[in-house]
Amino acid sequence: MATSKKKFKTVDEYIDSFPPNVKAVLQTIRQTIKEEVPQAAETIKYDMPTYVFHGNLVYFAGWKKHISFYPITGEMEKNIEELSNYKTSGKGTIQFPLNQPLPLPFIRSLIQFRVREHLASAEKDK
């Protein structure tokens, strides 16, 4: 992360803390999320950009050599074969290396999967 000790108040402030090449990637992810879930609220949680739609939907974070995207759920791991092409962690994170093009169609599919999970959960809670 660009400035790990700083507490960010807005997504703009968070993104602006990175060098131009990383900033561009973060803006692209932000725009992709907004296109897929325009009704999601944008905020900062856990010191990173967070999108809320029937609960916390997705987060992302910039690092020195990659962008992390959260969360990857157990259901995603069972159902999305393409996850095996990327580094993931037990904490529900997938990493997109900064030295490779962003896989935007894949990121869109992850967001859509999360939306379906949240809508199904909201329906159960009725």
C-alpha atoms as a PDB file:
ATOM      1  CA  MET A   1       0.000   0.000   0.000  1.00  0.00           C
ATOM      2  CA  ALA A   2       1.225   3.491  -0.730  1.00  0.00           C
ATOM      3  CA  THR A   3       0.955   4.870   2.791  1.00  0.00           C
ATOM      4  CA  SER A   4      -0.028   2.043   5.113  1.00  0.00           C
ATOM      5  CA  LYS A   5      -0.234   4.202   8.269  1.00  0.00           C
ATOM      6  CA  LYS A   6      -2.557   6.833   6.777  1.00  0.00           C
ATOM      7  CA  LYS A   7      -6.273   6.609   7.461  1.00  0.00           C
ATOM      8  CA  PHE A   8      -8.210   7.438   4.319  1.00  0.00           C
ATOM      9  CA  LYS A   9     -11.571   9.160   4.401  1.00  0.00           C
ATOM     10  CA  THR A  10     -12.548   8.748   0.734  1.00  0.00           C
ATOM     11  CA  VAL A  11     -11.833   6.428  -2.157  1.00  0.00           C
ATOM     12  CA  ASP A  12     -10.418   9.368  -4.107  1.00  0.00           C
ATOM     13  CA  GLU A  13      -7.960  10.067  -1.290  1.00  0.00           C
ATOM     14  CA  TYR A  14      -6.954   6.385  -1.206  1.00  0.00           C
ATOM     15  CA  ILE A  15      -6.395   6.142  -4.956  1.00  0.00           C
ATOM     16  CA  ASP A  16      -4.547   9.479  -5.086  1.00  0.00           C
ATOM     17  CA  SER A  17      -1.982   8.114  -2.606  1.00  0.00           C
ATOM     18  CA  PHE A  18      -0.531   5.795  -5.281  1.00  0.00           C
ATOM     19  CA  PRO A  19       1.885   6.403  -8.163  1.00  0.00           C
ATOM     20  CA  PRO A  20       0.237   7.152 -11.532  1.00  0.00           C
ATOM     21  CA  ASN A  21       0.561   3.626 -12.956  1.00  0.00           C
ATOM     22  CA  VAL A  22      -1.121   2.041  -9.918  1.00  0.00           C
ATOM     23  CA  LYS A  23      -3.644   4.867  -9.670  1.00  0.00           C
ATOM     24  CA  ALA A  24      -4.836   4.102 -13.216  1.00  0.00           C
ATOM     25  CA  VAL A  25      -5.381   0.424 -12.382  1.00  0.00           C
ATOM     26  CA  LEU A  26      -7.254   1.270  -9.182  1.00  0.00           C
ATOM     27  CA  GLN A  27      -9.477   3.731 -11.063  1.00  0.00           C
ATOM     28  CA  THR A  28     -10.249   1.034 -13.632  1.00  0.00           C
ATOM     29  CA  ILE A  29     -11.303  -1.417 -10.928  1.00  0.00           C
ATOM     30  CA  ARG A  30     -13.379   1.288  -9.262  1.00  0.00           C
ATOM     31  CA  GLN A  31     -15.130   2.119 -12.529  1.00  0.00           C
ATOM     32  CA  THR A  32     -15.768  -1.560 -13.249  1.00  0.00           C
ATOM     33  CA  ILE A  33     -17.434  -2.033  -9.860  1.00  0.00           C
ATOM     34  CA  LYS A  34     -19.573   1.079 -10.390  1.00  0.00           C
ATOM     35  CA  GLU A  35     -20.650  -0.171 -13.831  1.00  0.00           C
ATOM     36  CA  GLU A  36     -21.596  -3.603 -12.502  1.00  0.00           C
ATOM     37  CA  VAL A  37     -23.324  -2.422  -9.320  1.00  0.00           C
ATOM     38  CA  PRO A  38     -24.271   1.248  -9.732  1.00  0.00           C
ATOM     39  CA  GLN A  39     -26.477   1.076  -6.637  1.00  0.00           C
ATOM     40  CA  ALA A  40     -23.563   0.014  -4.387  1.00  0.00           C
ATOM     41  CA  ALA A  41     -22.446   2.584  -1.845  1.00  0.00           C
ATOM     42  CA  GLU A  42     -18.762   3.496  -1.961  1.00  0.00           C
ATOM     43  CA  THR A  43     -16.913   3.893   1.320  1.00  0.00           C
ATOM     44  CA  ILE A  44     -13.662   3.149   3.132  1.00  0.00           C
ATOM     45  CA  LYS A  45     -13.583   0.150   5.475  1.00  0.00           C
ATOM     46  CA  TYR A  46     -10.537  -1.711   6.734  1.00  0.00           C
ATOM     47  CA  ASP A  47      -8.541   1.214   5.255  1.00  0.00           C
ATOM     48  CA  MET A  48      -9.458   0.303   1.680  1.00  0.00           C
ATOM     49  CA  PRO A  49     -12.172   1.068  -0.884  1.00  0.00           C
ATOM     50  CA  THR A  50     -15.302  -0.907  -0.066  1.00  0.00           C
ATOM     51  CA  TYR A  51     -18.569  -1.297  -1.959  1.00  0.00           C
ATOM     52  CA  VAL A  52     -21.708  -2.025   0.017  1.00  0.00           C
ATOM     53  CA  PHE A  53     -24.757  -3.706  -1.488  1.00  0.00           C
ATOM     54  CA  HIS A  54     -26.856  -5.722   0.972  1.00  0.00           C
ATOM     55  CA  GLY A  55     -23.731  -5.796   3.141  1.00  0.00           C
ATOM     56  CA  ASN A  56     -20.056  -5.487   2.259  1.00  0.00           C
ATOM     57  CA  LEU A  57     -19.834  -6.628  -1.353  1.00  0.00           C
ATOM     58  CA  VAL A  58     -16.226  -6.177  -2.543  1.00  0.00           C
ATOM     59  CA  TYR A  59     -13.039  -4.391  -1.524  1.00  0.00           C
ATOM     60  CA  PHE A  60      -9.780  -3.696  -3.318  1.00  0.00           C
ATOM     61  CA  ALA A  61      -6.319  -2.596  -2.277  1.00  0.00           C
ATOM     62  CA  GLY A  62      -3.171  -1.455  -4.023  1.00  0.00           C
ATOM     63  CA  TRP A  63       0.208  -2.937  -3.193  1.00  0.00           C
ATOM     64  CA  LYS A  64       3.724  -2.588  -4.539  1.00  0.00           C
ATOM     65  CA  LYS A  65       3.461  -5.382  -7.123  1.00  0.00           C
ATOM     66  CA  HIS A  66      -0.222  -6.293  -7.268  1.00  0.00           C
ATOM     67  CA  ILE A  67      -3.808  -5.285  -6.662  1.00  0.00           C
ATOM     68  CA  SER A  68      -5.764  -7.357  -4.154  1.00  0.00           C
ATOM     69  CA  PHE A  69      -9.465  -7.945  -4.637  1.00  0.00           C
ATOM     70  CA  TYR A  70     -11.658  -9.187  -1.789  1.00  0.00           C
ATOM     71  CA  PRO A  71     -13.559 -11.307  -0.945  1.00  0.00           C
ATOM     72  CA  ILE A  72     -13.240 -14.596  -2.713  1.00  0.00           C
ATOM     73  CA  THR A  73     -15.772 -16.887  -1.045  1.00  0.00           C
ATOM     74  CA  GLY A  74     -15.853 -20.645  -0.674  1.00  0.00           C
ATOM     75  CA  GLU A  75     -18.673 -20.779  -3.220  1.00  0.00           C
ATOM     76  CA  MET A  76     -16.545 -18.874  -5.700  1.00  0.00           C
ATOM     77  CA  GLU A  77     -13.653 -21.274  -5.156  1.00  0.00           C
ATOM     78  CA  LYS A  78     -15.973 -24.226  -5.870  1.00  0.00           C
ATOM     79  CA  ASN A  79     -17.592 -22.686  -8.944  1.00  0.00           C
ATOM     80  CA  ILE A  80     -15.085 -20.432 -10.727  1.00  0.00           C
ATOM     81  CA  GLU A  81     -12.336 -22.479 -12.334  1.00  0.00           C
ATOM     82  CA  GLU A  82     -10.430 -19.405 -13.543  1.00  0.00           C
ATOM     83  CA  LEU A  83      -9.465 -18.567  -9.923  1.00  0.00           C
ATOM     84  CA  SER A  84      -6.719 -21.180 -10.208  1.00  0.00           C
ATOM     85  CA  ASN A  85      -4.916 -18.891 -12.692  1.00  0.00           C
ATOM     86  CA  TYR A  86      -4.195 -16.353  -9.934  1.00  0.00           C
ATOM     87  CA  LYS A  87      -2.584 -16.212  -6.531  1.00  0.00           C
ATOM     88  CA  THR A  88      -5.210 -16.384  -3.795  1.00  0.00           C
ATOM     89  CA  SER A  89      -5.033 -16.541  -0.025  1.00  0.00           C
ATOM     90  CA  GLY A  90      -7.002 -18.236   2.701  1.00  0.00           C
ATOM     91  CA  LYS A  91      -8.334 -14.817   3.670  1.00  0.00           C
ATOM     92  CA  GLY A  92     -10.507 -14.559   0.564  1.00  0.00           C
ATOM     93  CA  THR A  93      -8.097 -12.531  -1.544  1.00  0.00           C
ATOM     94  CA  ILE A  94      -7.137 -12.750  -5.188  1.00  0.00           C
ATOM     95  CA  GLN A  95      -4.082 -10.905  -6.492  1.00  0.00           C
ATOM     96  CA  PHE A  96      -3.775  -9.273  -9.903  1.00  0.00           C
ATOM     97  CA  PRO A  97      -0.099  -8.542 -10.728  1.00  0.00           C
ATOM     98  CA  LEU A  98       0.584  -4.978 -11.807  1.00  0.00           C
ATOM     99  CA  ASN A  99       2.897  -6.186 -14.576  1.00  0.00           C
ATOM    100  CA  GLN A 100      -0.015  -7.898 -16.358  1.00  0.00           C
ATOM    101  CA  PRO A 101      -3.171  -6.496 -17.947  1.00  0.00           C
ATOM    102  CA  LEU A 102      -6.211  -6.440 -15.691  1.00  0.00           C
ATOM    103  CA  PRO A 103      -8.568  -9.314 -16.552  1.00  0.00           C
ATOM    104  CA  LEU A 104     -11.649  -7.071 -16.632  1.00  0.00           C
ATOM    105  CA  PRO A 105     -14.133  -9.701 -17.894  1.00  0.00           C
ATOM    106  CA  PHE A 106     -13.011 -11.986 -15.064  1.00  0.00           C
ATOM    107  CA  ILE A 107     -13.267  -9.178 -12.491  1.00  0.00           C
ATOM    108  CA  ARG A 108     -16.768  -8.418 -13.769  1.00  0.00           C
ATOM    109  CA  SER A 109     -17.713 -12.081 -13.303  1.00  0.00           C
ATOM    110  CA  LEU A 110     -16.406 -12.000  -9.706  1.00  0.00           C
ATOM    111  CA  ILE A 111     -18.483  -8.908  -8.952  1.00  0.00           C
ATOM    112  CA  GLN A 112     -21.567 -10.469 -10.536  1.00  0.00           C
ATOM    113  CA  PHE A 113     -21.062 -13.634  -8.493  1.00  0.00           C
ATOM    114  CA  ARG A 114     -20.878 -11.576  -5.295  1.00  0.00           C
ATOM    115  CA  VAL A 115     -24.049  -9.698  -6.240  1.00  0.00           C
ATOM    116  CA  ARG A 116     -25.869 -13.017  -6.761  1.00  0.00           C
ATOM    117  CA  GLU A 117     -24.604 -14.233  -3.372  1.00  0.00           C
ATOM    118  CA  HIS A 118     -25.815 -11.084  -1.654  1.00  0.00           C
ATOM    119  CA  LEU A 119     -29.207 -11.096  -3.347  1.00  0.00           C
ATOM    120  CA  ALA A 120     -29.729 -14.767  -2.429  1.00  0.00           C
ATOM    121  CA  SER A 121     -28.765 -14.019   1.169  1.00  0.00           C
ATOM    122  CA  ALA A 122     -31.101 -11.014   1.303  1.00  0.00           C
ATOM    123  CA  GLU A 123     -33.929 -13.168  -0.064  1.00  0.00           C
ATOM    124  CA  LYS A 124     -33.334 -15.787   2.649  1.00  0.00           C
ATOM    125  CA  ASP A 125     -33.472 -13.091   5.316  1.00  0.00           C
ATOM    126  CA  LYS A 126     -36.979 -12.005   4.265  1.00  0.00           C
END
